[in-house]
Structure formats: structure tokens, C-alpha cells
N, C-alpha and C. Protein backbone atom coordinates (compact mmCIF):
# COMPACT_ATOMS: atom_id res chain seq x y z
N MET A 1 -11.63 -35.36 49.51
CA MET A 1 -12.06 -34.53 50.36
C MET A 1 -11.08 -33.36 50.88
N LYS A 2 -9.85 -33.71 50.58
CA LYS A 2 -8.80 -32.47 50.45
C LYS A 2 -9.13 -31.34 49.35
N LEU A 3 -9.72 -31.66 48.36
CA LEU A 3 -10.12 -30.69 47.22
C LEU A 3 -11.17 -29.75 47.91
N ILE A 4 -12.23 -30.62 48.53
CA ILE A 4 -13.30 -29.57 49.00
C ILE A 4 -12.62 -28.74 50.37
N GLN A 5 -11.90 -29.33 51.16
CA GLN A 5 -11.57 -28.33 51.93
C GLN A 5 -10.53 -27.38 51.47
N LEU A 6 -9.66 -27.66 50.37
CA LEU A 6 -9.06 -26.51 49.87
C LEU A 6 -9.86 -25.46 49.36
N VAL A 7 -10.98 -25.83 48.57
CA VAL A 7 -11.95 -24.86 47.94
C VAL A 7 -12.52 -23.95 48.98
N VAL A 8 -12.91 -24.46 50.22
CA VAL A 8 -13.59 -23.89 51.34
C VAL A 8 -12.82 -22.96 52.08
N SER A 9 -11.76 -23.14 51.96
CA SER A 9 -10.39 -22.55 52.64
C SER A 9 -10.16 -21.21 51.77
N ILE A 10 -10.17 -21.50 50.36
CA ILE A 10 -9.85 -20.46 49.47
C ILE A 10 -11.06 -19.50 49.52
N SER A 11 -12.27 -20.15 49.72
CA SER A 11 -13.33 -19.19 49.73
C SER A 11 -13.46 -18.15 51.08
N LEU A 12 -13.35 -18.91 52.25
CA LEU A 12 -13.22 -18.31 53.65
C LEU A 12 -12.17 -17.21 53.30
N ALA A 13 -10.81 -17.55 52.88
CA ALA A 13 -10.01 -16.52 53.09
C ALA A 13 -10.32 -15.21 51.99
N LEU A 14 -10.74 -15.40 50.69
CA LEU A 14 -11.42 -14.67 50.13
C LEU A 14 -12.57 -13.71 50.65
N VAL A 15 -13.34 -14.27 51.48
CA VAL A 15 -14.56 -13.59 51.96
C VAL A 15 -13.76 -12.57 53.22
N PHE A 16 -12.90 -13.07 53.70
CA PHE A 16 -12.12 -12.54 54.86
C PHE A 16 -11.42 -11.35 54.36
N VAL A 17 -10.78 -11.45 53.12
CA VAL A 17 -10.14 -10.16 52.61
C VAL A 17 -11.16 -9.20 52.45
N LEU A 18 -12.11 -9.40 51.49
CA LEU A 18 -13.10 -8.64 51.03
C LEU A 18 -13.73 -8.01 52.44
N SER A 19 -14.27 -8.54 53.34
CA SER A 19 -14.89 -8.09 54.33
C SER A 19 -13.95 -7.23 55.42
N THR A 20 -12.56 -7.85 55.28
CA THR A 20 -11.56 -6.68 55.96
C THR A 20 -11.43 -5.32 55.30
N ILE A 21 -11.36 -5.52 54.02
CA ILE A 21 -11.32 -4.24 53.07
C ILE A 21 -12.55 -3.35 53.31
N THR A 22 -13.92 -4.03 53.45
CA THR A 22 -14.81 -3.31 53.56
C THR A 22 -15.02 -2.44 54.93
N VAL A 23 -14.55 -3.36 55.80
CA VAL A 23 -14.32 -2.66 57.40
C VAL A 23 -13.54 -1.30 57.36
N LEU A 24 -12.43 -1.76 56.68
CA LEU A 24 -11.45 -0.66 56.57
C LEU A 24 -12.03 0.67 55.88
N PHE A 25 -12.55 0.59 54.78
CA PHE A 25 -13.09 1.79 54.19
C PHE A 25 -14.35 2.29 54.71
N SER A 26 -15.10 1.48 55.47
CA SER A 26 -16.35 2.12 56.04
C SER A 26 -15.92 2.70 57.33
N SER A 27 -15.08 2.33 57.99
CA SER A 27 -14.42 2.92 59.30
C SER A 27 -13.72 4.19 58.85
N GLY A 28 -13.14 4.44 57.79
CA GLY A 28 -12.45 5.85 57.12
C GLY A 28 -13.50 6.64 56.77
N ARG A 29 -14.67 6.27 56.25
CA ARG A 29 -15.79 6.97 55.78
C ARG A 29 -16.33 7.58 57.29
N VAL A 30 -16.54 6.73 58.25
CA VAL A 30 -17.33 7.15 59.42
C VAL A 30 -16.21 8.52 60.27
N LEU A 31 -14.91 7.68 60.19
CA LEU A 31 -14.05 8.94 60.66
C LEU A 31 -13.60 10.18 59.80
N ASN A 32 -14.14 9.86 58.57
CA ASN A 32 -13.78 11.29 57.78
C ASN A 32 -15.12 12.13 57.97
N ALA A 33 -16.42 11.52 58.03
CA ALA A 33 -17.14 12.19 58.39
C ALA A 33 -17.45 13.06 59.73
N VAL A 34 -16.84 12.32 60.65
CA VAL A 34 -16.79 13.09 62.00
C VAL A 34 -15.65 14.29 62.03
N MET A 35 -14.73 13.80 61.56
CA MET A 35 -13.78 14.96 61.52
C MET A 35 -14.03 16.14 60.58
N ASP A 36 -14.64 15.94 59.52
CA ASP A 36 -14.91 17.05 58.77
C ASP A 36 -16.42 17.97 59.45
N ALA A 37 -17.03 17.27 60.02
CA ALA A 37 -18.53 18.11 60.57
C ALA A 37 -18.21 18.49 61.83
N TYR A 38 -17.59 17.69 62.87
CA TYR A 38 -17.66 17.98 64.45
C TYR A 38 -16.47 18.04 64.89
N VAL A 39 -15.12 17.85 64.11
CA VAL A 39 -14.02 17.98 64.58
C VAL A 39 -13.23 19.52 64.50
N PHE A 40 -13.34 19.45 62.55
CA PHE A 40 -12.72 20.81 61.96
C PHE A 40 -13.91 21.82 61.46
N LYS A 41 -15.18 21.47 61.71
CA LYS A 41 -16.12 21.93 61.39
C LYS A 41 -16.20 22.44 59.72
N VAL A 42 -15.79 21.69 58.73
CA VAL A 42 -15.75 22.14 57.55
C VAL A 42 -17.00 22.78 56.85
N ASP A 43 -16.90 23.86 56.42
CA ASP A 43 -18.19 24.36 56.12
C ASP A 43 -18.16 24.48 54.40
N ASN A 44 -19.54 24.30 54.18
CA ASN A 44 -19.83 24.40 52.52
C ASN A 44 -20.64 25.68 52.51
N CYS A 45 -20.06 26.08 51.44
CA CYS A 45 -20.39 27.33 50.95
C CYS A 45 -21.57 27.18 49.83
N TYR A 46 -22.94 27.81 50.04
CA TYR A 46 -23.76 27.79 48.83
C TYR A 46 -23.86 29.29 48.37
N GLY A 47 -24.21 29.56 47.24
CA GLY A 47 -24.43 30.88 46.81
C GLY A 47 -23.92 30.96 45.52
N PRO A 48 -24.12 32.34 44.89
CA PRO A 48 -23.72 32.64 43.53
C PRO A 48 -22.16 32.91 43.63
N ARG A 49 -21.32 32.35 42.80
CA ARG A 49 -19.75 32.41 42.65
C ARG A 49 -19.40 33.36 41.71
N VAL A 50 -19.92 34.47 41.92
CA VAL A 50 -19.45 35.66 41.03
C VAL A 50 -18.89 36.56 41.52
N VAL A 51 -17.86 37.13 40.71
CA VAL A 51 -16.63 38.05 41.22
C VAL A 51 -17.38 39.37 40.79
N PRO A 52 -17.37 40.36 41.73
CA PRO A 52 -18.24 41.74 41.57
C PRO A 52 -17.35 42.66 40.31
N LEU A 53 -17.85 43.18 39.68
CA LEU A 53 -17.23 44.17 38.74
C LEU A 53 -16.33 45.26 39.28
N GLU A 54 -15.51 46.07 38.73
CA GLU A 54 -14.54 46.95 38.92
C GLU A 54 -15.30 47.81 40.02
N GLY A 55 -16.17 48.47 39.19
CA GLY A 55 -17.22 49.76 39.78
C GLY A 55 -18.01 49.08 40.99
N GLU A 56 -18.20 47.91 41.11
CA GLU A 56 -19.26 47.86 42.20
C GLU A 56 -18.76 47.29 43.47
N GLU A 57 -18.96 47.63 44.52
CA GLU A 57 -18.62 47.28 45.66
C GLU A 57 -19.34 46.24 46.41
N LYS A 58 -20.49 45.80 45.85
CA LYS A 58 -21.27 44.89 46.60
C LYS A 58 -21.06 43.55 46.32
N VAL A 59 -20.61 42.71 47.47
CA VAL A 59 -20.38 41.24 46.90
C VAL A 59 -21.32 40.41 47.19
N PRO A 60 -21.65 39.70 46.31
CA PRO A 60 -23.08 38.58 46.40
C PRO A 60 -22.76 38.25 47.74
N ASP A 61 -24.33 37.64 48.39
CA ASP A 61 -24.12 37.04 49.54
C ASP A 61 -23.93 35.44 49.45
N VAL A 62 -23.13 35.07 50.11
CA VAL A 62 -22.56 33.57 50.10
C VAL A 62 -23.10 33.10 51.32
N LYS A 63 -23.58 31.81 51.67
CA LYS A 63 -23.95 31.16 52.85
C LYS A 63 -23.25 30.38 53.14
N CYS A 64 -22.43 30.11 54.24
CA CYS A 64 -21.67 29.09 54.45
C CYS A 64 -21.87 28.59 55.80
N GLU A 65 -22.05 27.05 55.81
CA GLU A 65 -22.52 26.58 56.94
C GLU A 65 -22.17 24.96 57.00
N VAL A 66 -21.83 24.48 58.18
CA VAL A 66 -21.46 23.10 58.29
C VAL A 66 -22.76 22.22 57.87
N ASP A 67 -22.51 21.46 56.98
CA ASP A 67 -23.53 20.19 56.94
C ASP A 67 -23.60 18.93 57.43
N TYR A 68 -24.20 19.11 58.69
CA TYR A 68 -24.45 18.34 59.60
C TYR A 68 -25.13 16.79 59.17
N ASN A 69 -26.03 17.38 58.10
CA ASN A 69 -27.20 16.23 57.64
C ASN A 69 -26.18 15.21 56.83
N ASP A 70 -25.41 15.79 55.93
CA ASP A 70 -24.48 14.97 54.91
C ASP A 70 -23.48 14.15 55.86
N ALA A 71 -23.12 14.70 57.21
CA ALA A 71 -22.21 14.11 57.91
C ALA A 71 -22.96 12.72 58.59
N LYS A 72 -24.07 13.25 59.41
CA LYS A 72 -24.94 12.22 59.73
C LYS A 72 -25.25 10.79 58.74
N ARG A 73 -25.43 11.44 57.46
CA ARG A 73 -25.74 10.36 56.43
C ARG A 73 -24.34 9.31 56.15
N ASN A 74 -23.32 9.94 56.14
CA ASN A 74 -22.00 9.41 56.09
C ASN A 74 -21.81 8.37 57.23
N ILE A 75 -21.81 9.00 58.27
CA ILE A 75 -21.80 8.11 59.66
C ILE A 75 -22.52 7.08 59.59
N SER A 76 -23.98 7.12 59.19
CA SER A 76 -24.71 6.03 59.45
C SER A 76 -24.64 4.89 58.23
N GLY A 77 -24.08 5.32 57.36
CA GLY A 77 -23.66 4.52 55.96
C GLY A 77 -22.51 3.60 56.69
N GLY A 78 -21.73 4.31 56.83
CA GLY A 78 -20.22 3.60 57.54
C GLY A 78 -20.61 2.57 58.59
N ILE A 79 -21.30 2.93 59.46
CA ILE A 79 -21.74 2.05 60.47
C ILE A 79 -22.50 1.08 60.16
N SER A 80 -23.49 1.06 59.10
CA SER A 80 -23.90 0.08 58.97
C SER A 80 -23.40 -1.08 58.23
N LEU A 81 -22.35 -0.44 57.11
CA LEU A 81 -21.23 -1.50 56.48
C LEU A 81 -20.41 -2.16 57.89
N LEU A 82 -20.14 -1.31 58.89
CA LEU A 82 -19.38 -2.14 59.70
C LEU A 82 -20.23 -2.82 60.67
N VAL A 83 -21.45 -2.70 60.65
CA VAL A 83 -22.18 -3.87 61.59
C VAL A 83 -22.19 -5.15 60.60
N VAL A 84 -22.21 -4.99 59.33
CA VAL A 84 -22.38 -6.27 58.39
C VAL A 84 -21.00 -6.96 58.14
N ALA A 85 -19.98 -6.10 57.95
CA ALA A 85 -18.68 -6.66 57.64
C ALA A 85 -17.61 -7.11 58.65
N ALA A 86 -17.84 -6.30 59.90
CA ALA A 86 -17.01 -6.80 60.99
C ALA A 86 -17.43 -8.00 61.59
N PRO A 87 -18.87 -8.63 61.63
CA PRO A 87 -18.92 -9.81 62.28
C PRO A 87 -18.39 -11.03 61.18
N LEU A 88 -18.58 -10.69 59.65
CA LEU A 88 -18.43 -11.55 59.01
C LEU A 88 -16.87 -11.77 58.78
N ALA A 89 -15.94 -10.73 58.85
CA ALA A 89 -14.62 -10.91 58.99
C ALA A 89 -14.07 -11.43 60.05
N TYR A 90 -14.98 -11.32 61.09
CA TYR A 90 -14.26 -11.98 62.31
C TYR A 90 -14.79 -13.47 62.43
N PHE A 91 -15.78 -13.99 61.87
CA PHE A 91 -16.21 -15.30 61.84
C PHE A 91 -15.39 -15.85 60.71
N THR A 92 -15.05 -15.48 59.75
CA THR A 92 -14.21 -16.04 58.52
C THR A 92 -12.76 -16.18 58.96
N PHE A 93 -12.44 -15.04 59.81
CA PHE A 93 -10.89 -15.20 60.44
C PHE A 93 -10.68 -16.42 61.35
N LYS A 94 -11.78 -16.62 62.39
CA LYS A 94 -12.04 -17.78 63.30
C LYS A 94 -11.96 -19.18 62.34
N LYS A 95 -12.89 -19.30 61.27
CA LYS A 95 -12.94 -20.65 60.66
C LYS A 95 -11.85 -20.84 59.92
N SER A 96 -11.15 -19.85 59.39
CA SER A 96 -9.87 -19.83 58.56
C SER A 96 -8.83 -20.58 59.42
N LEU A 97 -8.57 -20.10 60.67
CA LEU A 97 -7.67 -20.39 61.89
C LEU A 97 -7.93 -21.93 62.19
N ASP A 98 -9.12 -22.15 62.30
CA ASP A 98 -9.67 -23.60 62.37
C ASP A 98 -9.21 -24.51 61.55
N LEU A 99 -9.47 -24.20 60.25
CA LEU A 99 -8.99 -25.07 59.22
C LEU A 99 -7.55 -25.05 59.02
N ILE A 100 -6.71 -24.20 59.37
CA ILE A 100 -5.36 -24.14 59.22
C ILE A 100 -4.79 -25.14 60.53
N LYS A 101 -5.16 -25.22 61.42
CA LYS A 101 -4.81 -25.71 62.85
C LYS A 101 -5.22 -27.40 62.44
N GLU A 102 -6.55 -27.53 61.70
CA GLU A 102 -6.81 -28.90 61.34
C GLU A 102 -5.96 -29.43 60.18
N GLY A 103 -5.54 -28.60 59.27
CA GLY A 103 -4.63 -29.00 58.36
C GLY A 103 -3.15 -29.44 58.72
N LYS A 104 -2.82 -28.74 60.10
CA LYS A 104 -1.51 -29.14 60.67
C LYS A 104 -1.49 -30.34 61.06
N SER A 105 -2.66 -30.76 61.79
CA SER A 105 -2.72 -32.19 62.42
C SER A 105 -2.60 -33.18 61.56
């Protein structure tokens, strides 16, 4: 019985660690997308990256704009990972605590 309990507790701890890491990276992804697009308004420039020749004065048109669609895509991807991983981390943490309390008694 002790061997089964040890295997279950190790697997719960492993799932807890992996889900916690997933929560950390997905929340960082959401925070990065929000800061880039909505706080600092980081723009993406599209167009030819050509340097004009010496005699030419015309600079090629470069279009710069904030890519809100990419930010929304990153935010939704991060939130979907959070929705799955955060409850899993919480559940495995509670079960691990219960197993530790049971082992002490």
C-alpha cells in the first residue's frame, strides 16, 4: 500500500510542477501581449526596407501600426492555457497536501 501511495504522490507532485510552470509561462505570455499592444503601443513596420541611393531623396513608404490581432491571439492563447492549468495546479496541490497530512499521521 505504501508503494502505491508513493507512486501517486510522486505523480501528483509531477503534475503540480508541470501545471505550475504552464501557468507561469501562459500568464507571462498574456502580460507580454498586453504590455506590447495596449500599454507601450509597440508598432510593427511593414514595407520595403530599402535604403535610398545617394542621389535619391524619396524614401520608400513604410507602414507602421500596432498589431492588435496578434495581441488578441496571444492573450486568448495564454488565457486558454490558464483556464486549463490553474485549476489542475490547484487540485494537485490540495491533493498533495492531503497526502502529506495523511502520511504524517
